[in-house]
Amino acid sequence: MESRTHKLNVCLMFGGRSTEHDISIISGLQVYNALNKDKYNVTILYITKENKMLIGKKLKDIETYQKENFERCTKEVLITNINNETYLKTKRKKLKVDVFIPVFHGEGAEDGTISSLLDFFNGVYITSNSLASAISQDKAYTKDILKKYYISSPRYLSINNLNDIEVIIKTINEKLFYPLIIKPSRLGSSIGIKTVTQKEKLRDSLKEVFKYSNTLIVEELIKNKKEFNCACFKYNNHLYVSNIEEVLTTNEILTFEDKYLNDIKDTENKQRVIPAKIDTSLEENIKELTKKIYQILNHQGIIRIDYLYDTNKNKLYFNEINTIPGSFAFYLFDKDKLPFDHILDMLIKEAILNKQRNNKLIKVFNTNVLNKKKKILKK
């Protein structure tokens, strides 16, 4: 059963097997509420922590997830391609999807997994492709690439396993200065991060962070710093750069609790300053660097880049990229000039145009190689 209205059929996807599953639900529902229902038929495709796909009207309500009550949802859902068009298919019906909106956070989804899935079924989606997503999900790999373009990060080491922990500890102590910060290289939302101020604590901290990821990044912690965020997206060959946000926290690092569990209005622990109160030179530097990184890594859709500013050295450092930022970072843009629903409209239009351009490329190359080589296959 397919929609016969003039509206675009949009599939909003979130959830997934990730440590950031619940944050994905919150971001996804924010996007759902912002989408203009006069323009779009919106179907929510929720992916459980076991990677099972569900659809159903109850999925628009936060209580459905709080109570884990999915009884009235359709549970056997597939993404498929029919006559070069993409559909959601169940036992009883199929629904054409014009555009997918993936709102995932973390490894196993945001890292290019979902982009690859949608590419396989020729789906149109508003986020970055699988290559840009996979690179940016890995903090160490991203820093390695940007270093070649003279984009600075705090001094760091990448660690892939703990098979020889004594060698790893020795290398860290020789090349980096304390205090240190240890992060899972492919996670976000400040999950699994440890700070280490003493050499004696390094071993246990490494083992703890390795519970979250097979790859770690260990870097020097900047004591006197400011943290800035800036978002960016492309539309009609123009890069739209957001206001700059300064994040204030009483902790050494911005924690998961700071980001999601503290009420900004009722706590002094965290505040968003938008736009950040910084001089024009630093503002221009952050915005130009955001555009440069977006283009270097060939991103699509909306991304947010996090920066660290060393107040002692007056030096700006790249920290990390969020290829699908929480709430799509809509709050960083001027709500009068670029309200959230307009940003979503622009992202959807750009995704459709990107797909049209991509479809013009040659994907199949006809040859006579099978006839030429058929003899070698005969026994």
Protein backbone atom coordinates (compact mmCIF):
# COMPACT_ATOMS: atom_id res chain seq x y z
CA MET A 1 0.00 0.00 0.00
CA GLU A 2 1.69 3.19 -1.20
CA SER A 3 0.98 6.82 -0.48
CA ARG A 4 -0.88 8.61 -3.29
CA THR A 5 -0.49 12.15 -1.97
CA HIS A 6 1.89 14.79 -3.29
CA LYS A 7 3.91 14.61 -0.10
CA LEU A 8 7.38 13.11 0.03
CA ASN A 9 7.58 9.82 1.93
CA VAL A 10 10.22 10.28 4.63
CA CYS A 11 11.57 7.45 6.77
CA LEU A 12 13.01 8.65 10.06
CA MET A 13 15.44 6.08 11.48
CA PHE A 14 16.92 5.94 14.99
CA GLY A 15 17.94 3.61 17.82
CA GLY A 16 20.38 0.86 16.89
CA ARG A 17 22.89 -1.34 18.67
CA SER A 18 25.00 1.39 20.22
CA THR A 19 25.93 2.68 23.67
CA GLU A 20 24.26 5.92 22.54
CA HIS A 21 20.94 4.22 21.73
CA ASP A 22 18.81 6.30 24.11
CA ILE A 23 20.33 9.59 22.95
CA SER A 24 19.47 8.57 19.40
CA ILE A 25 15.81 8.17 20.41
CA ILE A 26 15.73 11.67 21.90
CA SER A 27 17.34 13.21 18.82
CA GLY A 28 15.06 11.23 16.52
CA LEU A 29 11.88 12.37 18.23
CA GLN A 30 13.09 15.97 18.12
CA VAL A 31 13.50 15.62 14.36
CA TYR A 32 10.04 14.01 14.08
CA ASN A 33 8.41 16.93 15.90
CA ALA A 34 10.26 19.45 13.70
CA LEU A 35 9.37 17.87 10.34
CA ASN A 36 6.61 19.68 8.46
CA LYS A 37 3.79 17.13 8.24
CA ASP A 38 2.14 19.19 5.48
CA LYS A 39 5.13 18.38 3.27
CA TYR A 40 6.06 14.89 4.37
CA ASN A 41 4.47 11.55 5.16
CA VAL A 42 6.72 10.52 8.04
CA THR A 43 7.30 6.88 9.00
CA ILE A 44 9.43 6.13 12.03
CA LEU A 45 11.69 3.10 11.63
CA TYR A 46 12.95 2.25 15.09
CA ILE A 47 15.90 -0.13 15.36
CA THR A 48 16.09 -1.94 18.68
CA LYS A 49 19.26 -2.68 20.65
CA GLU A 50 19.16 -6.11 18.97
CA ASN A 51 19.01 -4.42 15.52
CA LYS A 52 15.42 -5.45 14.85
CA MET A 53 13.39 -3.00 12.76
CA LEU A 54 9.97 -1.79 13.94
CA ILE A 55 7.36 0.61 12.55
CA GLY A 56 4.16 1.84 14.14
CA LYS A 57 2.26 4.97 15.16
CA LYS A 58 3.15 4.52 18.84
CA LEU A 59 6.80 5.12 18.02
CA LYS A 60 6.26 8.89 17.96
CA ASP A 61 5.61 8.87 21.74
CA ILE A 62 8.51 8.91 24.21
CA GLU A 63 6.47 6.76 26.64
CA THR A 64 6.64 3.84 24.19
CA TYR A 65 10.41 3.69 24.74
CA GLN A 66 10.27 4.47 28.46
CA LYS A 67 7.90 1.54 29.03
CA GLU A 68 9.46 -0.59 26.26
CA ASN A 69 5.94 -1.28 25.05
CA PHE A 70 6.28 -2.28 21.39
CA GLU A 71 3.38 -4.76 21.26
CA ARG A 72 1.34 -2.75 18.75
CA CYS A 73 4.29 -2.16 16.42
CA THR A 74 4.95 -4.07 13.21
CA LYS A 75 8.08 -6.07 13.92
CA GLU A 76 9.07 -7.86 10.74
CA VAL A 77 10.25 -4.95 8.60
CA LEU A 78 12.74 -5.03 5.75
CA ILE A 79 14.37 -2.39 3.60
CA THR A 80 14.28 -3.48 -0.03
CA ASN A 81 14.65 -2.22 -3.58
CA ILE A 82 11.97 -2.77 -6.22
CA ASN A 83 12.47 -1.45 -9.76
CA ASN A 84 15.27 0.82 -8.51
CA GLU A 85 13.10 2.41 -5.84
CA THR A 86 13.48 1.90 -2.10
CA TYR A 87 10.72 0.49 0.11
CA LEU A 88 9.94 -0.55 3.64
CA LYS A 89 8.33 -3.95 3.38
CA THR A 90 6.30 -5.95 5.87
CA LYS A 91 4.19 -9.10 5.46
CA ARG A 92 1.10 -7.04 4.66
CA LYS A 93 2.30 -3.92 2.83
CA LYS A 94 5.12 -2.00 1.27
CA LEU A 95 5.80 1.71 1.63
CA LYS A 96 7.90 3.65 -0.83
CA VAL A 97 10.58 5.81 0.79
CA ASP A 98 11.71 8.94 -1.03
CA VAL A 99 14.22 10.05 1.62
CA PHE A 100 15.70 8.48 4.75
CA ILE A 101 16.66 10.58 7.76
CA PRO A 102 19.12 8.54 9.87
CA VAL A 103 19.46 9.91 13.40
CA PHE A 104 21.97 7.52 14.97
CA HIS A 105 24.78 8.15 17.40
CA GLY A 106 27.82 5.97 17.97
CA GLU A 107 29.54 2.89 16.64
CA GLY A 108 27.45 0.34 14.79
CA ALA A 109 25.24 2.93 13.11
CA GLU A 110 26.66 6.45 12.78
CA ASP A 111 30.02 5.01 11.67
CA GLY A 112 28.85 4.36 8.11
CA THR A 113 27.00 1.13 8.85
CA ILE A 114 23.58 2.64 8.12
CA SER A 115 24.89 4.64 5.14
CA SER A 116 26.22 1.42 3.62
CA LEU A 117 22.91 -0.35 4.22
CA LEU A 118 20.98 2.42 2.49
CA ASP A 119 23.48 2.58 -0.37
CA PHE A 120 22.99 -1.14 -0.95
CA PHE A 121 19.26 -0.57 -1.46
CA ASN A 122 19.80 2.64 -3.47
CA GLY A 123 18.22 4.75 -0.74
CA VAL A 124 18.37 8.55 -0.58
CA TYR A 125 19.58 9.81 2.81
CA ILE A 126 20.49 13.19 4.26
CA THR A 127 23.67 12.28 6.15
CA SER A 128 27.30 11.70 5.12
CA ASN A 129 28.27 8.70 3.02
CA SER A 130 29.83 5.58 4.48
CA LEU A 131 33.46 6.60 3.87
CA ALA A 132 33.23 10.06 5.45
CA SER A 133 31.18 8.62 8.33
CA ALA A 134 33.61 5.76 9.01
CA ILE A 135 36.65 8.04 8.98
CA SER A 136 35.10 10.67 11.23
CA GLN A 137 33.83 8.09 13.72
CA ASP A 138 37.43 7.14 14.49
CA LYS A 139 38.95 10.02 16.46
CA ALA A 140 42.56 8.93 15.94
CA TYR A 141 42.20 8.27 12.23
CA THR A 142 40.51 11.64 11.72
CA LYS A 143 43.35 13.41 13.53
CA ASP A 144 45.90 11.51 11.43
CA ILE A 145 44.27 12.75 8.23
CA LEU A 146 43.78 16.36 9.36
CA LYS A 147 47.39 16.51 10.53
CA LYS A 148 48.41 16.25 6.87
CA TYR A 149 46.49 19.51 6.29
CA TYR A 150 48.28 21.20 9.23
CA ILE A 151 45.20 21.12 11.45
CA SER A 152 46.42 20.80 15.03
CA SER A 153 45.19 18.49 17.78
CA PRO A 154 46.52 17.97 21.31
CA ARG A 155 49.40 15.48 21.31
CA TYR A 156 48.02 11.95 21.18
CA LEU A 157 48.72 8.27 20.64
CA SER A 158 46.45 5.65 19.11
CA ILE A 159 46.35 2.20 20.75
CA ASN A 160 44.79 -0.81 19.03
CA ASN A 161 45.14 -3.58 21.60
CA LEU A 162 46.40 -4.44 25.08
CA ASN A 163 48.40 -7.54 24.15
CA ASP A 164 51.59 -5.99 25.49
CA ILE A 165 50.41 -3.52 28.09
CA GLU A 166 53.92 -2.95 29.47
CA VAL A 167 55.13 -1.69 26.09
CA ILE A 168 52.04 0.50 25.74
CA ILE A 169 52.52 2.06 29.19
CA LYS A 170 56.21 2.65 28.49
CA THR A 171 55.44 4.31 25.15
CA ILE A 172 52.78 6.57 26.67
CA ASN A 173 55.08 7.64 29.50
CA GLU A 174 57.90 8.40 27.06
CA LYS A 175 55.88 10.41 24.54
CA LEU A 176 53.10 12.16 26.47
CA PHE A 177 52.91 14.43 29.51
CA TYR A 178 50.40 14.08 32.32
CA PRO A 179 47.53 14.67 32.92
CA LEU A 180 46.13 12.45 30.18
CA ILE A 181 42.71 11.76 28.80
CA ILE A 182 41.83 8.28 27.46
CA LYS A 183 38.91 7.91 25.07
CA PRO A 184 37.32 5.07 23.11
CA SER A 185 38.33 6.05 19.61
CA ARG A 186 34.97 5.27 18.03
CA LEU A 187 32.42 6.32 20.67
CA GLY A 188 30.77 9.64 21.45
CA SER A 189 28.63 11.35 24.12
CA SER A 190 31.64 11.25 26.48
CA ILE A 191 31.00 7.56 27.17
CA GLY A 192 33.93 5.55 28.56
CA ILE A 193 36.31 8.50 28.97
CA LYS A 194 38.91 8.50 31.73
CA THR A 195 41.30 11.17 32.96
CA VAL A 196 44.65 10.07 34.40
CA THR A 197 46.71 12.38 36.59
CA GLN A 198 49.15 9.81 37.99
CA LYS A 199 51.26 7.16 36.26
CA GLU A 200 50.09 4.60 38.81
CA LYS A 201 46.51 4.92 37.56
CA LEU A 202 47.33 4.44 33.87
CA ARG A 203 47.15 0.63 33.74
CA ASP A 204 43.69 0.36 35.33
CA SER A 205 42.34 3.24 33.25
CA LEU A 206 43.50 1.64 30.01
CA LYS A 207 41.83 -1.64 30.93
CA GLU A 208 38.60 0.15 31.85
CA VAL A 209 38.33 2.11 28.60
CA PHE A 210 39.13 -1.01 26.54
CA LYS A 211 35.82 -2.42 27.79
CA TYR A 212 34.11 0.04 25.44
CA SER A 213 36.29 -0.10 22.35
CA ASN A 214 39.07 -2.06 20.64
CA THR A 215 40.82 1.19 19.75
CA LEU A 216 41.75 3.96 22.17
CA ILE A 217 43.15 7.41 21.82
CA VAL A 218 45.38 8.75 24.61
CA GLU A 219 46.09 12.46 24.53
CA GLU A 220 47.44 15.20 26.71
CA LEU A 221 44.77 16.99 28.70
CA ILE A 222 44.80 20.75 28.30
CA LYS A 223 44.34 22.17 31.79
CA ASN A 224 43.40 25.75 30.97
CA LYS A 225 41.05 25.51 28.05
CA LYS A 226 37.79 26.60 26.54
CA GLU A 227 35.55 24.29 24.53
CA PHE A 228 33.79 25.44 21.38
CA ASN A 229 31.37 23.71 19.00
CA CYS A 230 30.45 24.73 15.46
CA ALA A 231 28.07 23.05 12.99
CA CYS A 232 28.00 23.12 9.21
CA PHE A 233 25.93 21.80 6.30
CA LYS A 234 25.93 22.13 2.54
CA TYR A 235 23.01 23.27 0.42
CA ASN A 236 23.00 24.33 -3.21
CA ASN A 237 26.83 24.53 -3.32
CA HIS A 238 26.93 26.83 -0.31
CA LEU A 239 28.26 25.95 3.14
CA TYR A 240 26.08 27.19 5.99
CA VAL A 241 28.08 27.61 9.20
CA SER A 242 26.37 27.92 12.56
CA ASN A 243 26.94 30.19 15.50
CA ILE A 244 29.76 29.09 17.76
CA GLU A 245 28.85 27.57 21.10
CA GLU A 246 31.05 27.74 24.17
CA VAL A 247 30.46 24.92 26.62
CA LEU A 248 31.12 25.64 30.29
CA THR A 249 31.58 22.88 32.82
CA THR A 250 33.10 22.57 36.28
CA ASN A 251 34.51 19.15 35.34
CA GLU A 252 37.88 18.57 33.64
CA ILE A 253 35.99 17.14 30.68
CA LEU A 254 32.42 17.48 29.49
CA THR A 255 30.77 14.35 30.89
CA PHE A 256 27.76 12.32 29.77
CA GLU A 257 25.88 13.74 32.77
CA ASP A 258 26.76 17.29 31.72
CA LYS A 259 25.44 16.68 28.23
CA TYR A 260 22.22 14.81 28.92
CA LEU A 261 21.26 14.42 32.58
CA ASN A 262 21.63 17.90 34.06
CA ASP A 263 18.89 20.46 33.57
CA ILE A 264 20.63 23.48 32.12
CA LYS A 265 18.18 25.86 33.81
CA ASP A 266 18.65 24.38 37.26
CA THR A 267 22.36 23.64 37.48
CA GLU A 268 25.54 25.65 37.45
CA ASN A 269 27.50 22.64 36.26
CA LYS A 270 26.88 23.26 32.55
CA GLN A 271 25.86 26.18 30.40
CA ARG A 272 25.67 26.80 26.69
CA VAL A 273 26.82 30.22 25.59
CA ILE A 274 25.45 30.83 22.09
CA PRO A 275 26.93 32.70 20.40
CA ALA A 276 30.22 32.36 22.23
CA LYS A 277 31.65 35.61 23.57
CA ILE A 278 34.95 35.54 21.70
CA ASP A 279 36.92 37.98 19.61
CA THR A 280 36.32 38.26 15.87
CA SER A 281 39.64 36.67 14.95
CA LEU A 282 38.96 33.45 16.88
CA GLU A 283 35.38 33.33 15.61
CA GLU A 284 36.53 33.58 11.99
CA ASN A 285 39.24 30.97 12.61
CA ILE A 286 36.73 28.45 13.99
CA LYS A 287 34.22 29.00 11.20
CA GLU A 288 36.79 28.81 8.41
CA LEU A 289 38.34 25.69 9.93
CA THR A 290 34.89 24.10 10.19
CA LYS A 291 34.28 24.66 6.48
CA LYS A 292 37.75 23.41 5.60
CA ILE A 293 37.34 20.15 7.55
CA TYR A 294 33.86 19.61 6.06
CA GLN A 295 35.35 19.82 2.57
CA ILE A 296 38.52 17.82 3.29
CA LEU A 297 36.51 14.84 4.49
CA ASN A 298 33.82 15.30 1.83
CA HIS A 299 30.91 15.39 4.27
CA GLN A 300 27.24 15.63 3.44
CA GLY A 301 24.34 16.61 5.62
CA ILE A 302 24.92 18.41 8.89
CA ILE A 303 27.95 17.84 11.11
CA ARG A 304 29.24 19.43 14.30
CA ILE A 305 32.92 19.92 15.03
CA ASP A 306 34.21 20.27 18.59
CA TYR A 307 37.29 22.37 19.36
CA LEU A 308 39.59 22.97 22.31
CA TYR A 309 41.23 26.34 22.89
CA ASP A 310 44.37 26.49 25.01
CA THR A 311 44.08 29.81 26.87
CA ASN A 312 47.73 29.72 27.93
CA LYS A 313 49.06 29.31 24.40
CA ASN A 314 46.15 31.07 22.64
CA LYS A 315 45.99 28.08 20.32
CA LEU A 316 42.98 26.37 18.76
CA TYR A 317 42.90 22.56 18.50
CA PHE A 318 40.58 20.24 16.60
CA ASN A 319 38.96 17.78 19.00
CA GLU A 320 36.41 15.59 17.17
CA ILE A 321 33.61 15.41 14.59
CA ASN A 322 30.00 14.42 15.12
CA THR A 323 28.68 13.27 11.74
CA ILE A 324 25.13 13.08 13.13
CA PRO A 325 25.18 15.56 16.01
CA GLY A 326 22.66 15.39 18.81
CA SER A 327 19.42 17.13 17.79
CA PHE A 328 21.15 17.83 14.44
CA ALA A 329 22.72 20.80 16.27
CA PHE A 330 19.73 22.90 15.15
CA TYR A 331 20.09 25.08 18.26
CA LEU A 332 23.39 26.45 16.96
CA PHE A 333 21.75 28.12 13.98
CA ASP A 334 19.82 31.38 14.08
CA LYS A 335 16.26 30.18 14.76
CA ASP A 336 14.78 33.20 12.95
CA LYS A 337 16.87 32.86 9.79
CA LEU A 338 17.20 29.06 9.81
CA PRO A 339 14.52 27.39 11.94
CA PHE A 340 14.83 23.63 12.44
CA ASP A 341 12.08 22.70 9.97
CA HIS A 342 13.74 24.81 7.25
CA ILE A 343 17.11 23.16 7.90
CA LEU A 344 15.46 19.75 7.48
CA ASP A 345 13.82 20.90 4.23
CA MET A 346 17.23 22.00 2.90
CA LEU A 347 18.92 18.75 3.92
CA ILE A 348 16.19 16.70 2.22
CA LYS A 349 16.40 18.69 -1.02
CA GLU A 350 20.20 18.44 -1.05
CA ALA A 351 20.06 14.67 -0.50
CA ILE A 352 17.71 14.22 -3.46
CA LEU A 353 19.95 16.35 -5.70
CA ASN A 354 23.04 14.40 -4.57
CA LYS A 355 21.32 11.14 -5.45
CA GLN A 356 20.30 12.43 -8.87
CA ARG A 357 23.89 13.45 -9.60
CA ASN A 358 25.19 10.13 -8.36
CA ASN A 359 22.73 8.15 -10.49
CA LYS A 360 24.18 9.75 -13.63
CA LEU A 361 27.54 8.10 -12.97
CA ILE A 362 28.41 4.89 -14.80
CA LYS A 363 27.85 2.00 -12.39
CA VAL A 364 27.86 -0.96 -14.77
CA PHE A 365 30.57 -1.69 -17.32
CA ASN A 366 29.59 -4.25 -19.94
CA THR A 367 32.39 -6.56 -21.07
CA ASN A 368 32.84 -9.83 -22.90
CA VAL A 369 35.13 -11.23 -20.22
CA LEU A 370 32.83 -14.11 -19.23
CA ASN A 371 32.77 -15.45 -22.77
CA LYS A 372 36.51 -14.99 -23.14
CA LYS A 373 37.35 -16.79 -19.92
CA LYS A 374 34.72 -19.52 -19.85
CA LYS A 375 37.24 -22.19 -20.85
CA ILE A 376 39.27 -21.82 -17.65
CA LEU A 377 36.16 -22.62 -15.61
CA LYS A 378 35.50 -25.92 -17.31
CA LYS A 379 36.86 -29.02 -15.62
